[in-house]
Amino acid sequence: EVQLVESGGGLVQAGGSLRLSCAASGFTFDDYVIGWFRRAPGKEREGVSCIRNSDGITYHADSVKGRVFLSSNTAEKTVYLEMYDLQPEDTAVYYCAAARGWPGFVDSKCEAHDYHYWGQGTQVTVSS
């Protein structure tokens, strides 16, 4: 059974940083891609950053580019999303999701419909 468990959310002041973790189980880690998505109150779900575990290729949304670092640890079966210079508009529930890797990942844009397995989410709140 595929399981994804997020952790690391919390309350942080504007300009601060957080590291979110996505612990995965139930599948061959390097065969999959893992993405981070977020849903802010009243807004649609947004793809934040995605990574292909086999080679570390990543995609970052323009809204976070330059403020995030995404890494994948095969031994730990965990993907880490480090976020810096957080702003109130980053406030959202952050979800990690997984999908079996596909050839078009390099050209994909971290879109939710490509991902089949989802975690429960972790709340990130940024105060001004």
Foldseek 3Di string as FASTA:
>chain_A
DKAWAKDWADEAAAQAKIKMKIAIDDDQLQQKKKWKWWDDVPDDIGTAKIARQNPGDMAGDPVQPPFWDWDADNVRNMIMIMGGRDDQVPWTWMKMFMDGDDPCPNVDHRDPVRTDGIHPTDTHGYHD
